[in-house]
Amino acid sequence: MTKVFEALGRTVAKGHGYDKLQIHVLPHPLNPLPEAEVRRIAGEHVQAIINRLLEAQEGAR
């Protein structure tokens, strides 16, 4: 999710019993940016997202 929605996302997750949900926050806004800029930002964040997924997978074992 993007930074502007972080607090709302955490509140909704907590309300549904997902207090420890891992959330990765991206800069806001992305929508008006050119595709190349969005791809650049994605490239900066993709490894952190993959790492969180792998950590969650390890924790589930």
Protein backbone atom coordinates (compact mmCIF):
# COMPACT_ATOMS: atom_id res chain seq x y z
CA MET A 1 0.00 0.00 0.00
CA THR A 2 1.08 3.58 -0.32
CA LYS A 3 2.12 5.79 2.60
CA VAL A 4 -1.11 7.80 2.68
CA PHE A 5 -3.12 4.60 3.32
CA GLU A 6 -0.76 3.01 5.86
CA ALA A 7 -2.66 3.98 9.01
CA LEU A 8 -5.99 2.94 7.50
CA GLY A 9 -4.55 -0.38 6.30
CA ARG A 10 -3.11 -1.18 9.71
CA THR A 11 -6.38 -0.26 11.42
CA VAL A 12 -8.43 -2.46 9.08
CA ALA A 13 -5.98 -5.35 9.44
CA LYS A 14 -6.08 -5.08 13.22
CA GLY A 15 -9.88 -4.94 13.18
CA HIS A 16 -9.90 -8.25 11.32
CA GLY A 17 -7.52 -9.86 13.80
CA TYR A 18 -4.32 -9.44 11.79
CA ASP A 19 -2.39 -7.36 14.31
CA LYS A 20 0.95 -8.65 13.06
CA LEU A 21 0.26 -8.43 9.34
CA GLN A 22 3.41 -7.46 7.49
CA ILE A 23 2.78 -4.37 5.39
CA HIS A 24 5.21 -2.86 2.93
CA VAL A 25 4.65 0.82 2.33
CA LEU A 26 5.34 2.45 -1.03
CA PRO A 27 5.56 6.17 -1.72
CA HIS A 28 2.36 8.03 -2.58
CA PRO A 29 1.07 8.75 -5.13
CA LEU A 30 2.10 6.27 -7.81
CA ASN A 31 -0.83 6.65 -10.19
CA PRO A 32 0.18 9.92 -11.90
CA LEU A 33 3.79 8.84 -12.40
CA PRO A 34 5.11 7.67 -15.75
CA GLU A 35 5.45 3.90 -16.07
CA ALA A 36 9.25 4.12 -16.06
CA GLU A 37 9.20 5.91 -12.70
CA VAL A 38 6.80 3.36 -11.19
CA ARG A 39 9.07 0.56 -12.43
CA ARG A 40 12.08 2.28 -10.86
CA ILE A 41 10.27 2.59 -7.53
CA ALA A 42 9.13 -1.03 -7.76
CA GLY A 43 12.71 -2.09 -8.39
CA GLU A 44 13.79 -0.31 -5.21
CA HIS A 45 11.17 -2.15 -3.15
CA VAL A 46 10.88 -5.60 -4.68
CA GLN A 47 13.71 -7.23 -2.69
CA ALA A 48 12.27 -6.01 0.62
CA ILE A 49 8.87 -7.44 -0.33
CA ILE A 50 10.42 -10.77 -1.32
CA ASN A 51 12.35 -10.86 1.97
CA ARG A 52 9.16 -10.33 3.97
CA LEU A 53 7.40 -13.11 2.08
CA LEU A 54 10.31 -15.49 2.69
CA GLU A 55 10.42 -14.58 6.39
CA ALA A 56 6.68 -15.22 6.68
CA GLN A 57 7.09 -18.56 4.94
CA GLU A 58 9.89 -19.55 7.34
CA GLY A 59 7.81 -18.48 10.32
CA ALA A 60 4.92 -20.66 9.16
CA ARG A 61 7.03 -23.82 9.29
